């Protein structure tokens, strides 16, 4: 119904014509459309005891309004009962079942952008398995689109184990080193494994440096400081059978000294095609000490201090001392020689 008042044309909406306001709103404001909430596609297989995240996005809302996000769950034991977890707009949203974990920060929401958030669960429990719903409350006069989306979380046991014999190595520069590590897993789902060797150099506040890794796609990747030695074949990593990996350094350098450890990561492919690391393990460290080889050997020669008659035998002794290289391969060489220096003495000559 149109009314003319004081030269102005007024549109009056009544009854079923109320829906027309939504159409006009869309025509006048191109930034507004159907509300659409999307969530990370499931099922998502995650390992018990690990830190997990679930993303949720919203689009089609009025830009003047800041969307709030509410998370709820439907547990396997009661799939029809909604359990409120956490909200960005209501601090009292959580049910008692979740309130302690929310208050302690074990469960929280991270805002990535105005229209995108991550739900964090720091320590995944078996009872956390089930359906998760992300809901964005409506703040407008009408409902257009979808305001919530759901995904499924499956909690699986941690079956990854990694072992290496604890050892202490005292090696010399130029020696070789071989270390073997075993990785076992029994995950029912199809997963991949990546492995890597790290060294913590000697000294205070030294961060671990990656030496060499084997990716989940079986690609060898050296650390930044080891690219040249990897290209020359000085550091190597090979898989032995189904469960063992051998890491080798052909010629040790003094810079290799420190504490070494091995890391294994288990990966699973999510329904959206991305690969997610679901659990990682590290071994205890192995201590490696490298002894420098003497660049110049110490030499000592002695002779018996007595006069020797012509034609008689005399004994001279020369010894060369270097570091103890017992058990290692000598990579250098020693060349020895004797020289005779004649000292001529006689009566002084006078003019």
C-alpha atoms as a PDB file:
ATOM      1  CA  UNK A   1       0.000   0.000   0.000  1.00  0.00           C
ATOM      2  CA  UNK A   2       1.432   3.384  -0.980  1.00  0.00           C
ATOM      3  CA  UNK A   3       0.498   6.584   0.928  1.00  0.00           C
ATOM      4  CA  UNK A   4       1.230  10.146  -0.142  1.00  0.00           C
ATOM      5  CA  UNK A   5       1.936  12.493   2.781  1.00  0.00           C
ATOM      6  CA  UNK A   6       3.369  15.977   2.367  1.00  0.00           C
ATOM      7  CA  UNK A   7       4.821  15.136  -1.014  1.00  0.00           C
ATOM      8  CA  UNK A   8       6.436  11.901   0.212  1.00  0.00           C
ATOM      9  CA  UNK A   9       5.615   8.418  -1.041  1.00  0.00           C
ATOM     10  CA  UNK A  10       5.455   5.890   1.812  1.00  0.00           C
ATOM     11  CA  UNK A  11       5.299   2.105   1.423  1.00  0.00           C
ATOM     12  CA  UNK A  12       3.228   0.417   4.122  1.00  0.00           C
ATOM     13  CA  UNK A  13       3.768  -3.341   4.514  1.00  0.00           C
ATOM     14  CA  UNK A  14       0.920  -5.416   5.859  1.00  0.00           C
ATOM     15  CA  UNK A  15       0.427  -9.147   6.373  1.00  0.00           C
ATOM     16  CA  UNK A  16       2.060 -11.330   3.675  1.00  0.00           C
ATOM     17  CA  UNK A  17       3.683  -8.240   2.159  1.00  0.00           C
ATOM     18  CA  UNK A  18       6.158  -8.255   5.045  1.00  0.00           C
ATOM     19  CA  UNK A  19       8.324 -10.675   3.062  1.00  0.00           C
ATOM     20  CA  UNK A  20       8.817  -7.899   0.508  1.00  0.00           C
ATOM     21  CA  UNK A  21      11.064  -6.092   2.984  1.00  0.00           C
ATOM     22  CA  UNK A  22      13.594  -8.875   2.701  1.00  0.00           C
ATOM     23  CA  UNK A  23      13.649  -8.527  -1.067  1.00  0.00           C
ATOM     24  CA  UNK A  24      14.092  -4.759  -0.857  1.00  0.00           C
ATOM     25  CA  UNK A  25      16.859  -5.202   1.698  1.00  0.00           C
ATOM     26  CA  UNK A  26      18.787  -7.464  -0.658  1.00  0.00           C
ATOM     27  CA  UNK A  27      18.323  -5.032  -3.543  1.00  0.00           C
ATOM     28  CA  UNK A  28      19.386  -1.982  -1.564  1.00  0.00           C
ATOM     29  CA  UNK A  29      22.347  -3.606   0.247  1.00  0.00           C
ATOM     30  CA  UNK A  30      24.415  -5.885  -2.018  1.00  0.00           C
ATOM     31  CA  UNK A  31      26.587  -6.865   0.953  1.00  0.00           C
ATOM     32  CA  UNK A  32      23.702  -8.772   2.505  1.00  0.00           C
ATOM     33  CA  UNK A  33      22.661 -12.230   1.334  1.00  0.00           C
ATOM     34  CA  UNK A  34      21.545 -15.569   2.677  1.00  0.00           C
ATOM     35  CA  UNK A  35      23.297 -16.453   5.930  1.00  0.00           C
ATOM     36  CA  UNK A  36      25.609 -19.423   5.401  1.00  0.00           C
ATOM     37  CA  UNK A  37      27.491 -21.222   8.178  1.00  0.00           C
ATOM     38  CA  UNK A  38      30.155 -23.746   7.157  1.00  0.00           C
ATOM     39  CA  UNK A  39      32.170 -26.092   9.348  1.00  0.00           C
ATOM     40  CA  UNK A  40      35.161 -28.380   8.881  1.00  0.00           C
ATOM     41  CA  UNK A  41      33.978 -31.473   7.030  1.00  0.00           C
ATOM     42  CA  UNK A  42      33.931 -34.732   8.981  1.00  0.00           C
ATOM     43  CA  UNK A  43      34.363 -37.337  10.135  1.00  0.00           C
ATOM     44  CA  UNK A  44      37.577 -36.097  11.735  1.00  0.00           C
ATOM     45  CA  UNK A  45      39.734 -38.803  13.339  1.00  0.00           C
ATOM     46  CA  UNK A  46      41.755 -37.386  16.205  1.00  0.00           C
ATOM     47  CA  UNK A  47      43.971 -39.053  18.829  1.00  0.00           C
ATOM     48  CA  UNK A  48      43.001 -39.179  22.494  1.00  0.00           C
ATOM     49  CA  UNK A  49      45.064 -36.838  24.671  1.00  0.00           C
ATOM     50  CA  UNK A  50      46.041 -34.457  21.863  1.00  0.00           C
ATOM     51  CA  UNK A  51      45.211 -30.825  21.068  1.00  0.00           C
ATOM     52  CA  UNK A  52      42.582 -30.507  18.306  1.00  0.00           C
ATOM     53  CA  UNK A  53      40.871 -27.641  16.457  1.00  0.00           C
ATOM     54  CA  UNK A  54      37.644 -27.328  14.422  1.00  0.00           C
ATOM     55  CA  UNK A  55      37.058 -24.323  12.179  1.00  0.00           C
ATOM     56  CA  UNK A  56      33.732 -22.559  11.533  1.00  0.00           C
ATOM     57  CA  UNK A  57      32.962 -19.723   9.084  1.00  0.00           C
ATOM     58  CA  UNK A  58      29.899 -17.545   8.457  1.00  0.00           C
ATOM     59  CA  UNK A  59      28.947 -15.405   5.447  1.00  0.00           C
ATOM     60  CA  UNK A  60      25.922 -13.376   4.287  1.00  0.00           C
ATOM     61  CA  UNK A  61      25.417 -11.389   7.493  1.00  0.00           C
ATOM     62  CA  UNK A  62      25.001  -7.617   7.822  1.00  0.00           C
ATOM     63  CA  UNK A  63      28.461  -6.114   8.077  1.00  0.00           C
ATOM     64  CA  UNK A  64      27.226  -3.689  10.718  1.00  0.00           C
ATOM     65  CA  UNK A  65      26.580  -6.653  13.015  1.00  0.00           C
ATOM     66  CA  UNK A  66      29.405  -8.675  14.555  1.00  0.00           C
ATOM     67  CA  UNK A  67      28.445 -12.362  14.447  1.00  0.00           C
ATOM     68  CA  UNK A  68      28.690 -14.442  17.603  1.00  0.00           C
ATOM     69  CA  UNK A  69      29.575 -18.133  17.569  1.00  0.00           C
ATOM     70  CA  UNK A  70      28.098 -20.818  19.811  1.00  0.00           C
ATOM     71  CA  UNK A  71      29.450 -24.367  20.012  1.00  0.00           C
ATOM     72  CA  UNK A  72      27.478 -27.396  21.192  1.00  0.00           C
ATOM     73  CA  UNK A  73      28.000 -31.158  21.138  1.00  0.00           C
ATOM     74  CA  UNK A  74      25.841 -34.260  20.843  1.00  0.00           C
ATOM     75  CA  UNK A  75      27.592 -37.157  22.538  1.00  0.00           C
ATOM     76  CA  UNK A  76      27.436 -40.736  21.315  1.00  0.00           C
ATOM     77  CA  UNK A  77      25.665 -41.827  24.501  1.00  0.00           C
ATOM     78  CA  UNK A  78      22.853 -39.263  23.982  1.00  0.00           C
ATOM     79  CA  UNK A  79      22.855 -38.175  20.310  1.00  0.00           C
ATOM     80  CA  UNK A  80      19.584 -36.205  20.633  1.00  0.00           C
ATOM     81  CA  UNK A  81      20.623 -34.119  23.642  1.00  0.00           C
ATOM     82  CA  UNK A  82      22.386 -30.811  23.006  1.00  0.00           C
ATOM     83  CA  UNK A  83      25.309 -30.042  25.334  1.00  0.00           C
ATOM     84  CA  UNK A  84      26.307 -26.375  25.206  1.00  0.00           C
ATOM     85  CA  UNK A  85      30.080 -25.912  25.237  1.00  0.00           C
ATOM     86  CA  UNK A  86      31.150 -22.285  24.758  1.00  0.00           C
ATOM     87  CA  UNK A  87      30.044 -18.994  23.178  1.00  0.00           C
ATOM     88  CA  UNK A  88      31.759 -15.788  22.060  1.00  0.00           C
ATOM     89  CA  UNK A  89      28.801 -13.709  23.246  1.00  0.00           C
ATOM     90  CA  UNK A  90      27.732 -15.307  26.541  1.00  0.00           C
ATOM     91  CA  UNK A  91      30.188 -16.219  29.298  1.00  0.00           C
ATOM     92  CA  UNK A  92      27.468 -18.259  31.069  1.00  0.00           C
ATOM     93  CA  UNK A  93      26.654 -20.336  27.991  1.00  0.00           C
ATOM     94  CA  UNK A  94      28.489 -23.531  29.050  1.00  0.00           C
ATOM     95  CA  UNK A  95      26.692 -26.455  30.658  1.00  0.00           C
ATOM     96  CA  UNK A  96      28.186 -27.740  33.903  1.00  0.00           C
ATOM     97  CA  UNK A  97      29.617 -30.712  31.989  1.00  0.00           C
ATOM     98  CA  UNK A  98      31.969 -28.333  30.132  1.00  0.00           C
ATOM     99  CA  UNK A  99      32.236 -25.321  32.452  1.00  0.00           C
ATOM    100  CA  UNK A 100      35.350 -26.495  34.339  1.00  0.00           C
ATOM    101  CA  UNK A 101      37.272 -27.164  31.111  1.00  0.00           C
ATOM    102  CA  UNK A 102      36.168 -23.814  29.669  1.00  0.00           C
ATOM    103  CA  UNK A 103      37.134 -21.867  32.804  1.00  0.00           C
ATOM    104  CA  UNK A 104      40.569 -23.526  32.923  1.00  0.00           C
ATOM    105  CA  UNK A 105      41.253 -22.668  29.279  1.00  0.00           C
ATOM    106  CA  UNK A 106      41.309 -26.307  28.198  1.00  0.00           C
ATOM    107  CA  UNK A 107      38.469 -25.458  25.779  1.00  0.00           C
ATOM    108  CA  UNK A 108      38.394 -22.024  24.119  1.00  0.00           C
ATOM    109  CA  UNK A 109      37.461 -20.164  20.926  1.00  0.00           C
ATOM    110  CA  UNK A 110      40.101 -18.440  18.811  1.00  0.00           C
ATOM    111  CA  UNK A 111      38.797 -15.714  16.506  1.00  0.00           C
ATOM    112  CA  UNK A 112      40.702 -15.856  13.208  1.00  0.00           C
ATOM    113  CA  UNK A 113      38.680 -13.124  11.494  1.00  0.00           C
ATOM    114  CA  UNK A 114      35.371 -11.402  12.156  1.00  0.00           C
ATOM    115  CA  UNK A 115      33.585 -14.236  10.352  1.00  0.00           C
ATOM    116  CA  UNK A 116      35.876 -17.170  11.185  1.00  0.00           C
ATOM    117  CA  UNK A 117      36.779 -18.987  14.428  1.00  0.00           C
ATOM    118  CA  UNK A 118      38.565 -22.080  15.700  1.00  0.00           C
ATOM    119  CA  UNK A 119      37.287 -24.258  18.536  1.00  0.00           C
ATOM    120  CA  UNK A 120      40.253 -25.547  20.571  1.00  0.00           C
ATOM    121  CA  UNK A 121      40.187 -28.658  22.770  1.00  0.00           C
ATOM    122  CA  UNK A 122      43.597 -28.944  24.429  1.00  0.00           C
ATOM    123  CA  UNK A 123      43.268 -32.486  25.822  1.00  0.00           C
ATOM    124  CA  UNK A 124      40.870 -34.638  23.795  1.00  0.00           C
ATOM    125  CA  UNK A 125      38.968 -37.213  25.872  1.00  0.00           C
ATOM    126  CA  UNK A 126      37.109 -40.334  24.780  1.00  0.00           C
ATOM    127  CA  UNK A 127      33.821 -38.753  25.916  1.00  0.00           C
ATOM    128  CA  UNK A 128      34.469 -35.891  23.469  1.00  0.00           C
ATOM    129  CA  UNK A 129      33.556 -38.144  20.537  1.00  0.00           C
ATOM    130  CA  UNK A 130      30.315 -37.207  18.798  1.00  0.00           C
ATOM    131  CA  UNK A 131      28.677 -34.487  16.711  1.00  0.00           C
ATOM    132  CA  UNK A 132      29.744 -30.839  17.062  1.00  0.00           C
ATOM    133  CA  UNK A 133      27.527 -27.931  16.028  1.00  0.00           C
ATOM    134  CA  UNK A 134      28.583 -24.355  15.258  1.00  0.00           C
ATOM    135  CA  UNK A 135      25.677 -21.882  15.528  1.00  0.00           C
ATOM    136  CA  UNK A 136      25.547 -18.141  14.779  1.00  0.00           C
ATOM    137  CA  UNK A 137      22.551 -16.502  16.530  1.00  0.00           C
ATOM    138  CA  UNK A 138      20.315 -14.352  14.328  1.00  0.00           C
ATOM    139  CA  UNK A 139      20.323 -10.619  15.142  1.00  0.00           C
ATOM    140  CA  UNK A 140      18.097  -9.509  12.262  1.00  0.00           C
ATOM    141  CA  UNK A 141      14.317  -9.224  11.829  1.00  0.00           C
ATOM    142  CA  UNK A 142      14.106 -12.189   9.476  1.00  0.00           C
ATOM    143  CA  UNK A 143      15.682 -15.571   8.867  1.00  0.00           C
ATOM    144  CA  UNK A 144      17.464 -16.070   5.555  1.00  0.00           C
ATOM    145  CA  UNK A 145      19.791 -19.008   4.951  1.00  0.00           C
ATOM    146  CA  UNK A 146      21.335 -21.432   7.427  1.00  0.00           C
ATOM    147  CA  UNK A 147      22.555 -20.453  10.880  1.00  0.00           C
ATOM    148  CA  UNK A 148      24.343 -23.626  12.004  1.00  0.00           C
ATOM    149  CA  UNK A 149      26.430 -26.515  10.694  1.00  0.00           C
ATOM    150  CA  UNK A 150      27.573 -29.844  12.146  1.00  0.00           C
ATOM    151  CA  UNK A 151      30.562 -32.152  11.931  1.00  0.00           C
ATOM    152  CA  UNK A 152      31.640 -35.426  13.549  1.00  0.00           C
ATOM    153  CA  UNK A 153      34.670 -36.141  15.753  1.00  0.00           C
ATOM    154  CA  UNK A 154      35.929 -39.721  16.208  1.00  0.00           C
ATOM    155  CA  UNK A 155      38.403 -40.231  19.065  1.00  0.00           C
ATOM    156  CA  UNK A 156      40.968 -42.949  18.343  1.00  0.00           C
ATOM    157  CA  UNK A 157      43.672 -44.426  20.634  1.00  0.00           C
ATOM    158  CA  UNK A 158      47.320 -43.410  20.516  1.00  0.00           C
ATOM    159  CA  UNK A 159      49.190 -46.391  19.035  1.00  0.00           C
ATOM    160  CA  UNK A 160      52.387 -44.634  17.925  1.00  0.00           C
ATOM    161  CA  UNK A 161      55.605 -45.691  19.655  1.00  0.00           C
ATOM    162  CA  UNK A 162      59.208 -44.774  18.895  1.00  0.00           C
ATOM    163  CA  UNK A 163      62.287 -46.336  20.478  1.00  0.00           C
ATOM    164  CA  UNK A 164      66.052 -45.886  20.275  1.00  0.00           C
ATOM    165  CA  UNK A 165      68.767 -47.312  22.476  1.00  0.00           C
ATOM    166  CA  UNK A 166      70.163 -44.712  24.878  1.00  0.00           C
ATOM    167  CA  UNK A 167      73.850 -44.314  24.137  1.00  0.00           C
ATOM    168  CA  UNK A 168      76.815 -42.045  24.791  1.00  0.00           C
ATOM    169  CA  UNK A 169      79.265 -41.651  21.919  1.00  0.00           C
ATOM    170  CA  UNK A 170      82.893 -40.450  22.139  1.00  0.00           C
ATOM    171  CA  UNK A 171      83.992 -40.108  18.537  1.00  0.00           C
ATOM    172  CA  UNK A 172      86.837 -38.489  16.620  1.00  0.00           C
ATOM    173  CA  UNK A 173      86.555 -36.086  13.741  1.00  0.00           C
ATOM    174  CA  UNK A 174      86.284 -38.073  10.527  1.00  0.00           C
ATOM    175  CA  UNK A 175      84.687 -41.108  12.193  1.00  0.00           C
ATOM    176  CA  UNK A 176      81.375 -42.445  10.910  1.00  0.00           C
ATOM    177  CA  UNK A 177      78.168 -42.701  12.963  1.00  0.00           C
ATOM    178  CA  UNK A 178      75.102 -44.938  12.517  1.00  0.00           C
ATOM    179  CA  UNK A 179      71.944 -44.650  14.635  1.00  0.00           C
ATOM    180  CA  UNK A 180      68.882 -46.892  14.279  1.00  0.00           C
ATOM    181  CA  UNK A 181      65.362 -46.060  15.463  1.00  0.00           C
ATOM    182  CA  UNK A 182      62.196 -48.184  15.445  1.00  0.00           C
ATOM    183  CA  UNK A 183      58.704 -46.762  14.806  1.00  0.00           C
ATOM    184  CA  UNK A 184      55.558 -48.819  15.476  1.00  0.00           C
ATOM    185  CA  UNK A 185      51.855 -47.979  15.034  1.00  0.00           C
ATOM    186  CA  UNK A 186      48.567 -49.890  14.934  1.00  0.00           C
ATOM    187  CA  UNK A 187      46.021 -47.261  13.869  1.00  0.00           C
ATOM    188  CA  UNK A 188      42.941 -48.793  12.209  1.00  0.00           C
ATOM    189  CA  UNK A 189      42.651 -45.876   9.789  1.00  0.00           C
ATOM    190  CA  UNK A 190      45.056 -45.321   6.883  1.00  0.00           C
ATOM    191  CA  UNK A 191      47.873 -43.077   8.095  1.00  0.00           C
ATOM    192  CA  UNK A 192      51.371 -42.032   7.029  1.00  0.00           C
ATOM    193  CA  UNK A 193      54.550 -41.545   9.077  1.00  0.00           C
ATOM    194  CA  UNK A 194      57.228 -38.851   8.841  1.00  0.00           C
ATOM    195  CA  UNK A 195      60.522 -39.031  10.755  1.00  0.00           C
ATOM    196  CA  UNK A 196      63.299 -36.534  11.497  1.00  0.00           C
ATOM    197  CA  UNK A 197      66.663 -36.275  13.269  1.00  0.00           C
ATOM    198  CA  UNK A 198      67.475 -33.227  15.400  1.00  0.00           C
ATOM    199  CA  UNK A 199      70.562 -32.027  17.260  1.00  0.00           C
ATOM    200  CA  UNK A 200      70.717 -29.699  20.259  1.00  0.00           C
ATOM    201  CA  UNK A 201      74.169 -28.054  19.982  1.00  0.00           C
ATOM    202  CA  UNK A 202      76.316 -27.584  23.054  1.00  0.00           C
ATOM    203  CA  UNK A 203      75.940 -24.343  24.970  1.00  0.00           C
ATOM    204  CA  UNK A 204      73.199 -22.516  26.815  1.00  0.00           C
ATOM    205  CA  UNK A 205      69.851 -21.665  25.223  1.00  0.00           C
ATOM    206  CA  UNK A 206      70.634 -23.547  22.030  1.00  0.00           C
ATOM    207  CA  UNK A 207      67.554 -24.498  20.032  1.00  0.00           C
ATOM    208  CA  UNK A 208      67.176 -27.864  18.345  1.00  0.00           C
ATOM    209  CA  UNK A 209      68.265 -27.913  14.697  1.00  0.00           C
ATOM    210  CA  UNK A 210      66.863 -30.308  12.128  1.00  0.00           C
ATOM    211  CA  UNK A 211      69.539 -32.431  10.485  1.00  0.00           C
ATOM    212  CA  UNK A 212      67.501 -34.576   8.092  1.00  0.00           C
ATOM    213  CA  UNK A 213      63.870 -35.702   7.740  1.00  0.00           C
ATOM    214  CA  UNK A 214      61.830 -38.152   5.670  1.00  0.00           C
ATOM    215  CA  UNK A 215      58.398 -36.691   4.905  1.00  0.00           C
ATOM    216  CA  UNK A 216      55.080 -38.563   4.879  1.00  0.00           C
ATOM    217  CA  UNK A 217      55.493 -38.641   1.079  1.00  0.00           C
ATOM    218  CA  UNK A 218      58.951 -40.297   1.391  1.00  0.00           C
ATOM    219  CA  UNK A 219      60.889 -37.155   0.438  1.00  0.00           C
ATOM    220  CA  UNK A 220      64.248 -36.487   2.129  1.00  0.00           C
ATOM    221  CA  UNK A 221      64.560 -32.908   3.384  1.00  0.00           C
ATOM    222  CA  UNK A 222      67.813 -31.668   5.008  1.00  0.00           C
ATOM    223  CA  UNK A 223      67.876 -28.891   7.592  1.00  0.00           C
ATOM    224  CA  UNK A 224      69.147 -25.453   6.459  1.00  0.00           C
ATOM    225  CA  UNK A 225      72.616 -26.014   7.950  1.00  0.00           C
ATOM    226  CA  UNK A 226      73.014 -29.474   6.403  1.00  0.00           C
ATOM    227  CA  UNK A 227      72.013 -28.962   2.758  1.00  0.00           C
ATOM    228  CA  UNK A 228      75.580 -29.098   1.396  1.00  0.00           C
ATOM    229  CA  UNK A 229      76.519 -32.203   3.396  1.00  0.00           C
ATOM    230  CA  UNK A 230      73.285 -33.909   2.302  1.00  0.00           C
ATOM    231  CA  UNK A 231      74.023 -33.135  -1.355  1.00  0.00           C
ATOM    232  CA  UNK A 232      77.508 -34.667  -1.038  1.00  0.00           C
ATOM    233  CA  UNK A 233      76.139 -37.793   0.667  1.00  0.00           C
ATOM    234  CA  UNK A 234      77.754 -37.075   4.033  1.00  0.00           C
ATOM    235  CA  UNK A 235      74.438 -37.422   5.916  1.00  0.00           C
ATOM    236  CA  UNK A 236      71.932 -40.138   5.029  1.00  0.00           C
ATOM    237  CA  UNK A 237      68.600 -41.552   6.158  1.00  0.00           C
ATOM    238  CA  UNK A 238      67.216 -44.863   4.914  1.00  0.00           C
ATOM    239  CA  UNK A 239      64.315 -47.108   5.899  1.00  0.00           C
ATOM    240  CA  UNK A 240      65.207 -50.663   6.894  1.00  0.00           C
ATOM    241  CA  UNK A 241      62.270 -53.034   6.521  1.00  0.00           C
ATOM    242  CA  UNK A 242      58.844 -51.938   7.743  1.00  0.00           C
ATOM    243  CA  UNK A 243      59.647 -50.350  11.091  1.00  0.00           C
ATOM    244  CA  UNK A 244      63.306 -49.301  11.328  1.00  0.00           C
ATOM    245  CA  UNK A 245      65.154 -46.223  10.093  1.00  0.00           C
ATOM    246  CA  UNK A 246      68.930 -45.758   9.945  1.00  0.00           C
ATOM    247  CA  UNK A 247      70.531 -42.320  10.195  1.00  0.00           C
ATOM    248  CA  UNK A 248      74.188 -42.059   9.143  1.00  0.00           C
ATOM    249  CA  UNK A 249      76.934 -39.448   9.164  1.00  0.00           C
ATOM    250  CA  UNK A 250      79.838 -40.602   6.981  1.00  0.00           C
ATOM    251  CA  UNK A 251      82.437 -38.161   8.365  1.00  0.00           C
ATOM    252  CA  UNK A 252      81.735 -36.511  11.692  1.00  0.00           C
ATOM    253  CA  UNK A 253      82.589 -32.849  12.144  1.00  0.00           C
ATOM    254  CA  UNK A 254      83.180 -31.093  15.440  1.00  0.00           C
ATOM    255  CA  UNK A 255      79.987 -29.068  14.833  1.00  0.00           C
ATOM    256  CA  UNK A 256      77.970 -32.315  15.046  1.00  0.00           C
ATOM    257  CA  UNK A 257      78.653 -32.441  18.779  1.00  0.00           C
ATOM    258  CA  UNK A 258      75.633 -32.201  21.089  1.00  0.00           C
ATOM    259  CA  UNK A 259      72.518 -34.152  21.970  1.00  0.00           C
ATOM    260  CA  UNK A 260      70.672 -35.945  19.181  1.00  0.00           C
ATOM    261  CA  UNK A 261      67.089 -37.185  19.186  1.00  0.00           C
ATOM    262  CA  UNK A 262      64.565 -38.699  16.803  1.00  0.00           C
ATOM    263  CA  UNK A 263      60.981 -37.525  16.139  1.00  0.00           C
ATOM    264  CA  UNK A 264      58.108 -39.389  14.457  1.00  0.00           C
ATOM    265  CA  UNK A 265      54.777 -37.854  13.376  1.00  0.00           C
ATOM    266  CA  UNK A 266      51.617 -39.719  12.326  1.00  0.00           C
ATOM    267  CA  UNK A 267      49.439 -38.110   9.622  1.00  0.00           C
ATOM    268  CA  UNK A 268      45.860 -38.729   8.458  1.00  0.00           C
ATOM    269  CA  UNK A 269      43.992 -37.367   5.448  1.00  0.00           C
ATOM    270  CA  UNK A 270      40.807 -35.450   6.324  1.00  0.00           C
ATOM    271  CA  UNK A 271      37.667 -35.600   4.128  1.00  0.00           C
ATOM    272  CA  UNK A 272      38.565 -32.235   2.542  1.00  0.00           C
ATOM    273  CA  UNK A 273      41.804 -33.768   1.223  1.00  0.00           C
ATOM    274  CA  UNK A 274      44.233 -32.034   3.580  1.00  0.00           C
ATOM    275  CA  UNK A 275      46.717 -34.014   5.672  1.00  0.00           C
ATOM    276  CA  UNK A 276      46.666 -33.466   9.428  1.00  0.00           C
ATOM    277  CA  UNK A 277      49.349 -34.419  11.959  1.00  0.00           C
ATOM    278  CA  UNK A 278      47.429 -36.261  14.672  1.00  0.00           C
ATOM    279  CA  UNK A 279      50.213 -37.328  17.067  1.00  0.00           C
ATOM    280  CA  UNK A 280      53.976 -36.973  17.444  1.00  0.00           C
ATOM    281  CA  UNK A 281      56.594 -38.676  19.623  1.00  0.00           C
ATOM    282  CA  UNK A 282      60.255 -38.076  20.475  1.00  0.00           C
ATOM    283  CA  UNK A 283      62.984 -40.371  21.770  1.00  0.00           C
ATOM    284  CA  UNK A 284      65.389 -39.657  24.590  1.00  0.00           C
ATOM    285  CA  UNK A 285      68.548 -37.843  23.539  1.00  0.00           C
ATOM    286  CA  UNK A 286      71.829 -39.471  22.555  1.00  0.00           C
ATOM    287  CA  UNK A 287      74.984 -37.682  23.735  1.00  0.00           C
ATOM    288  CA  UNK A 288      77.650 -37.213  21.058  1.00  0.00           C
ATOM    289  CA  UNK A 289      81.122 -35.845  21.842  1.00  0.00           C
ATOM    290  CA  UNK A 290      83.576 -35.196  19.004  1.00  0.00           C
ATOM    291  CA  UNK A 291      87.329 -35.054  19.704  1.00  0.00           C
ATOM    292  CA  UNK A 292      89.360 -32.833  17.426  1.00  0.00           C
ATOM    293  CA  UNK A 293      92.337 -34.441  15.700  1.00  0.00           C
ATOM    294  CA  UNK A 294      95.727 -32.742  16.202  1.00  0.00           C
ATOM    295  CA  UNK A 295      96.597 -30.688  13.171  1.00  0.00           C
ATOM    296  CA  UNK A 296     100.333 -30.861  14.025  1.00  0.00           C
ATOM    297  CA  UNK A 297     101.778 -33.907  15.791  1.00  0.00           C
ATOM    298  CA  UNK A 298     104.222 -33.447  18.647  1.00  0.00           C
ATOM    299  CA  UNK A 299     107.715 -34.597  17.714  1.00  0.00           C
ATOM    300  CA  UNK A 300     110.601 -35.475  20.019  1.00  0.00           C
ATOM    301  CA  UNK A 301     114.022 -36.860  19.207  1.00  0.00           C
ATOM    302  CA  UNK A 302     116.744 -38.000  21.563  1.00  0.00           C
ATOM    303  CA  UNK A 303     120.273 -39.227  21.185  1.00  0.00           C
ATOM    304  CA  UNK A 304     122.768 -40.754  23.590  1.00  0.00           C
ATOM    305  CA  UNK A 305     125.046 -37.967  24.773  1.00  0.00           C
ATOM    306  CA  UNK A 306     128.487 -39.551  24.442  1.00  0.00           C
ATOM    307  CA  UNK A 307     131.319 -39.470  21.990  1.00  0.00           C
ATOM    308  CA  UNK A 308     131.324 -42.098  19.316  1.00  0.00           C
ATOM    309  CA  UNK A 309     134.418 -43.408  17.707  1.00  0.00           C
ATOM    310  CA  UNK A 310     134.685 -43.612  13.988  1.00  0.00           C
ATOM    311  CA  UNK A 311     133.249 -46.832  12.711  1.00  0.00           C
ATOM    312  CA  UNK A 312     131.172 -47.450  15.826  1.00  0.00           C
ATOM    313  CA  UNK A 313     127.370 -47.715  15.957  1.00  0.00           C
ATOM    314  CA  UNK A 314     125.246 -44.929  17.436  1.00  0.00           C
ATOM    315  CA  UNK A 315     121.465 -44.891  18.140  1.00  0.00           C
ATOM    316  CA  UNK A 316     119.072 -41.996  17.514  1.00  0.00           C
ATOM    317  CA  UNK A 317     115.370 -42.089  18.419  1.00  0.00           C
ATOM    318  CA  UNK A 318     112.450 -39.996  17.052  1.00  0.00           C
ATOM    319  CA  UNK A 319     108.820 -40.252  18.279  1.00  0.00           C
ATOM    320  CA  UNK A 320     105.610 -38.754  16.872  1.00  0.00           C
ATOM    321  CA  UNK A 321     102.647 -38.296  19.211  1.00  0.00           C
ATOM    322  CA  UNK A 322      99.047 -37.622  18.138  1.00  0.00           C
ATOM    323  CA  UNK A 323      95.592 -38.188  19.600  1.00  0.00           C
ATOM    324  CA  UNK A 324      94.599 -41.701  20.474  1.00  0.00           C
ATOM    325  CA  UNK A 325      92.693 -42.934  17.446  1.00  0.00           C
ATOM    326  CA  UNK A 326      92.179 -46.460  18.668  1.00  0.00           C
ATOM    327  CA  UNK A 327      89.152 -48.032  17.026  1.00  0.00           C
ATOM    328  CA  UNK A 328      88.958 -45.472  14.226  1.00  0.00           C
ATOM    329  CA  UNK A 329      90.392 -45.262  10.726  1.00  0.00           C
ATOM    330  CA  UNK A 330      93.529 -43.134  10.299  1.00  0.00           C
ATOM    331  CA  UNK A 331      92.802 -40.760   7.426  1.00  0.00           C
ATOM    332  CA  UNK A 332      96.167 -38.981   7.292  1.00  0.00           C
ATOM    333  CA  UNK A 333      99.787 -39.948   6.660  1.00  0.00           C
ATOM    334  CA  UNK A 334     103.184 -39.353   8.299  1.00  0.00           C
ATOM    335  CA  UNK A 335     106.395 -38.806   6.331  1.00  0.00           C
ATOM    336  CA  UNK A 336     109.695 -38.955   8.221  1.00  0.00           C
ATOM    337  CA  UNK A 337     113.236 -38.170   7.138  1.00  0.00           C
ATOM    338  CA  UNK A 338     116.708 -37.805   8.602  1.00  0.00           C
ATOM    339  CA  UNK A 339     119.181 -35.056   7.789  1.00  0.00           C
ATOM    340  CA  UNK A 340     122.877 -34.843   8.678  1.00  0.00           C
ATOM    341  CA  UNK A 341     124.247 -31.447   9.673  1.00  0.00           C
ATOM    342  CA  UNK A 342     128.061 -31.310   9.586  1.00  0.00           C
ATOM    343  CA  UNK A 343     129.828 -29.068  12.080  1.00  0.00           C
ATOM    344  CA  UNK A 344     133.454 -28.521  11.121  1.00  0.00           C
ATOM    345  CA  UNK A 345     135.819 -27.439  13.884  1.00  0.00           C
ATOM    346  CA  UNK A 346     139.547 -26.703  13.708  1.00  0.00           C
ATOM    347  CA  UNK A 347     142.283 -24.178  14.566  1.00  0.00           C
ATOM    348  CA  UNK A 348     141.582 -20.553  13.916  1.00  0.00           C
ATOM    349  CA  UNK A 349     143.297 -19.116  10.883  1.00  0.00           C
ATOM    350  CA  UNK A 350     145.456 -16.032  11.390  1.00  0.00           C
ATOM    351  CA  UNK A 351     146.787 -13.572   8.867  1.00  0.00           C
END
